[in-house]
Each structure stands twice: as C-alpha cells, then as structure tokens.
C-alpha cells in the first residue's frame, strides 16, 4: 500500500475521532507540532530505522513530546507505533493538516516577493483571490522574500502560479526579442 493511502486513512480516522470528542483544533495543533518534530533528520531516521525497536522509538517520542500533546494525540501515536507504522508518522501528520484545511475551507497561498509586502497589499490579494473563487473563503499566506525577483511577486496555490515579477517580465521580453 502506498504511503499516501496509509497516511490518508490514519489521518481520516484521527480527524473523525477528534471531531467526535470535540478536540479537532487541539489535535491539529498537536499534529502541526509533531510534523515539525518529524522534519528533524535524527527523528526521521529514528522512525524509519528497522533496527531500533518500537519500545525505544516510543520512549524517545514520549521524551520529545512530554506534556505537549493531548491525550488523544499521544494515544494515536502509540497505536501507530504498536502497528509498526511509525515510518509514516510524518506523512500522517501532514495529511491530518491537509484534510483539516479541506474540511475547514482553508487555502494556503504562497507569495514570494522582492520585498516584504505590507499588510494592505496582502489583504488586497486575499480579497481578489476570494472574490475570484479560485481559493476557499479562508486564505492563509506563507510569505518569503527573494531579491532575485528584482520587483513584483509570485503567487502560487493549489496547481496555479501567477508570476508578476520583474524578472519574469524581463525573460518574456528577452524571448520576444530573440
């Protein structure tokens, strides 16, 4: 079975259980924290190692997350460890976050700009995206700065890309002249 299918099934189960218990937001916070933990190379190698026994992996994870996770999330991670699916914990955490965003109608929009964008500009972009119905009604921005763009910005979300950078416009002009 593919890692996506495994992650998707476990994520769906956790979301359903958390919803029933009224802990969905807390569990998603926990899984966001846990996704960051699993990005650490040593933790990732630990989880994927076939040599290290599940008990040791469980003790290490409990030490890292002690007092930071809800009982439901901690129990879920224990079940994953007992099932021998610990290598998929990072994928499951990311899938929980993705499914939560779909459930709540949240779109993630990445904006790379040549300079830091003011809040008014971000709000104008948010309004345009929501009005165009290209995104969900709630938009979260991930912004970054890339001086190589010279000016302007690049917006990407889902499978769409809008490049309004000076660098891109110069490339288009260069192609037209050659």
Protein backbone atom coordinates (compact mmCIF):
# COMPACT_ATOMS: atom_id res chain seq x y z
CA UNK A 1 0.00 0.00 0.00
CA UNK A 2 1.34 3.46 -0.86
CA UNK A 3 2.43 5.83 1.89
CA UNK A 4 -0.19 8.35 0.77
CA UNK A 5 -3.02 5.84 1.20
CA UNK A 6 -1.75 4.78 4.61
CA UNK A 7 -1.35 8.38 5.76
CA UNK A 8 -4.74 9.34 4.35
CA UNK A 9 -6.59 6.53 6.13
CA UNK A 10 -4.98 7.13 9.51
CA UNK A 11 -5.47 10.90 9.18
CA UNK A 12 -9.14 10.46 8.32
CA UNK A 13 -9.64 8.20 11.34
CA UNK A 14 -7.92 10.64 13.68
CA UNK A 15 -9.93 13.59 12.35
CA UNK A 16 -13.21 11.69 12.77
CA UNK A 17 -12.33 10.66 16.33
CA UNK A 18 -11.15 14.16 17.26
CA UNK A 19 -14.33 15.66 15.82
CA UNK A 20 -16.48 13.26 17.85
CA UNK A 21 -14.61 14.21 21.03
CA UNK A 22 -14.64 17.94 20.24
CA UNK A 23 -10.84 18.11 20.13
CA UNK A 24 -10.24 18.68 16.43
CA UNK A 25 -8.46 22.03 16.75
CA UNK A 26 -6.26 20.77 19.58
CA UNK A 27 -5.33 17.59 17.66
CA UNK A 28 -4.44 19.62 14.56
CA UNK A 29 -2.20 21.86 16.71
CA UNK A 30 -0.55 18.72 18.08
CA UNK A 31 -0.04 17.26 14.61
CA UNK A 32 1.42 20.57 13.39
CA UNK A 33 3.94 20.39 16.23
CA UNK A 34 4.57 16.71 15.53
CA UNK A 35 5.09 17.39 11.79
CA UNK A 36 7.83 19.85 12.75
CA UNK A 37 9.38 17.26 15.08
CA UNK A 38 9.45 14.61 12.33
CA UNK A 39 11.25 17.01 9.99
CA UNK A 40 14.30 16.87 12.26
CA UNK A 41 16.67 14.50 10.49
CA UNK A 42 17.59 12.48 13.59
CA UNK A 43 13.91 11.89 14.44
CA UNK A 44 13.12 10.95 10.86
CA UNK A 45 15.99 8.46 10.80
CA UNK A 46 14.87 7.04 14.14
CA UNK A 47 11.31 6.50 12.92
CA UNK A 48 12.42 4.87 9.67
CA UNK A 49 15.07 2.62 11.23
CA UNK A 50 14.15 -1.09 11.12
CA UNK A 51 16.89 -1.85 13.66
CA UNK A 52 15.53 0.22 16.56
CA UNK A 53 12.68 -1.49 18.40
CA UNK A 54 9.29 0.21 18.71
CA UNK A 55 9.66 0.50 22.51
CA UNK A 56 12.78 2.64 22.16
CA UNK A 57 11.10 4.76 19.47
CA UNK A 58 8.11 5.24 21.75
CA UNK A 59 10.31 6.29 24.68
CA UNK A 60 12.18 8.81 22.54
CA UNK A 61 8.95 10.28 21.13
CA UNK A 62 7.44 10.50 24.62
CA UNK A 63 10.55 12.32 25.85
CA UNK A 64 10.33 14.80 22.98
CA UNK A 65 6.59 15.42 23.29
CA UNK A 66 6.17 15.10 27.07
CA UNK A 67 3.38 17.39 28.23
CA UNK A 68 2.94 18.94 24.80
CA UNK A 69 0.31 16.63 23.28
CA UNK A 70 -3.31 15.98 24.09
CA UNK A 71 -4.07 12.50 25.44
CA UNK A 72 -5.92 11.62 22.22
CA UNK A 73 -2.93 12.55 20.05
CA UNK A 74 -0.48 10.71 22.31
CA UNK A 75 -2.69 7.60 22.27
CA UNK A 76 -2.96 7.78 18.49
CA UNK A 77 0.83 7.91 18.16
CA UNK A 78 1.11 4.91 20.50
CA UNK A 79 -1.29 2.95 18.28
CA UNK A 80 0.75 3.82 15.20
CA UNK A 81 3.89 2.58 16.96
CA UNK A 82 2.21 -0.70 18.00
CA UNK A 83 1.03 -1.26 14.43
CA UNK A 84 4.59 -0.83 13.14
CA UNK A 85 3.65 2.20 11.02
CA UNK A 86 5.99 4.70 12.72
CA UNK A 87 7.80 5.40 9.46
CA UNK A 88 4.59 7.05 8.24
CA UNK A 89 4.07 9.34 11.25
CA UNK A 90 5.40 12.43 9.46
CA UNK A 91 3.21 11.74 6.42
CA UNK A 92 0.20 11.15 8.67
CA UNK A 93 0.78 14.45 10.49
CA UNK A 94 0.96 16.37 7.19
CA UNK A 95 -2.14 14.59 5.90
CA UNK A 96 -4.10 15.47 9.06
CA UNK A 97 -3.23 19.13 8.49
CA UNK A 98 -4.17 18.91 4.79
CA UNK A 99 -7.51 17.21 5.49
CA UNK A 100 -8.29 19.72 8.24
CA UNK A 101 -7.72 22.59 5.83
CA UNK A 102 -10.02 20.99 3.26
CA UNK A 103 -12.65 20.37 5.95
CA UNK A 104 -12.48 23.97 7.19
CA UNK A 105 -12.20 25.53 3.71
CA UNK A 106 -8.71 26.99 4.16
CA UNK A 107 -6.43 27.64 1.19
CA UNK A 108 -2.69 28.09 1.56
CA UNK A 109 -1.26 30.72 -0.77
CA UNK A 110 2.49 31.13 -1.11
CA UNK A 111 3.76 34.57 -2.03
CA UNK A 112 7.39 35.21 -2.91
CA UNK A 113 8.18 38.89 -3.33
CA UNK A 114 11.22 41.03 -3.95
CA UNK A 115 10.50 42.99 -0.79
CA UNK A 116 8.35 42.45 2.30
CA UNK A 117 4.72 43.12 1.37
CA UNK A 118 2.69 45.46 3.57
CA UNK A 119 -0.47 44.16 5.27
CA UNK A 120 -2.70 46.27 2.97
CA UNK A 121 -1.25 44.59 -0.12
CA UNK A 122 -1.75 41.13 1.36
CA UNK A 123 -5.33 42.00 2.23
CA UNK A 124 -5.96 43.23 -1.34
CA UNK A 125 -4.52 39.99 -2.73
CA UNK A 126 -6.67 37.97 -0.30
CA UNK A 127 -9.81 39.84 -1.41
CA UNK A 128 -9.04 39.32 -5.12
CA UNK A 129 -8.43 35.60 -4.63
CA UNK A 130 -11.59 35.04 -2.59
CA UNK A 131 -13.71 37.15 -4.97
CA UNK A 132 -12.39 35.19 -7.97
CA UNK A 133 -13.45 31.92 -6.28
CA UNK A 134 -10.05 30.43 -7.11
CA UNK A 135 -9.43 29.74 -3.43
CA UNK A 136 -11.53 28.77 -0.45
CA UNK A 137 -13.17 31.50 1.59
CA UNK A 138 -10.33 31.50 4.10
CA UNK A 139 -6.81 32.21 2.85
CA UNK A 140 -3.59 31.73 4.79
CA UNK A 141 -0.41 33.26 3.40
CA UNK A 142 3.11 31.87 3.50
CA UNK A 143 5.33 34.75 2.52
CA UNK A 144 9.01 34.88 1.69
CA UNK A 145 11.43 37.36 0.14
CA UNK A 146 13.63 36.68 -2.89
CA UNK A 147 15.69 39.66 -4.03
CA UNK A 148 16.38 37.88 -7.37
CA UNK A 149 12.83 38.75 -8.47
CA UNK A 150 14.03 42.38 -8.80
CA UNK A 151 10.46 43.60 -8.19
CA UNK A 152 6.90 42.32 -8.03
CA UNK A 153 5.82 38.93 -6.66
CA UNK A 154 4.98 35.32 -7.48
CA UNK A 155 1.79 33.76 -6.13
CA UNK A 156 1.26 30.00 -6.06
CA UNK A 157 -1.61 27.93 -4.67
CA UNK A 158 -3.01 24.51 -5.43
CA UNK A 159 -1.88 23.94 -9.04
CA UNK A 160 -1.84 27.59 -10.10
CA UNK A 161 1.03 30.05 -10.49
CA UNK A 162 0.83 33.79 -11.13
CA UNK A 163 4.19 35.38 -11.83
CA UNK A 164 4.11 39.18 -11.69
CA UNK A 165 7.82 39.60 -11.06
CA UNK A 166 10.10 41.96 -12.95
CA UNK A 167 12.49 39.05 -13.57
CA UNK A 168 9.72 37.10 -15.34
CA UNK A 169 8.73 40.10 -17.44
CA UNK A 170 12.36 40.60 -18.47
CA UNK A 171 12.57 36.93 -19.50
CA UNK A 172 9.42 37.31 -21.63
CA UNK A 173 10.89 40.39 -23.31
CA UNK A 174 14.19 38.58 -23.90
CA UNK A 175 12.33 35.71 -25.62
CA UNK A 176 10.36 38.11 -27.78
CA UNK A 177 13.49 39.88 -28.98
CA UNK A 178 15.44 36.71 -29.77
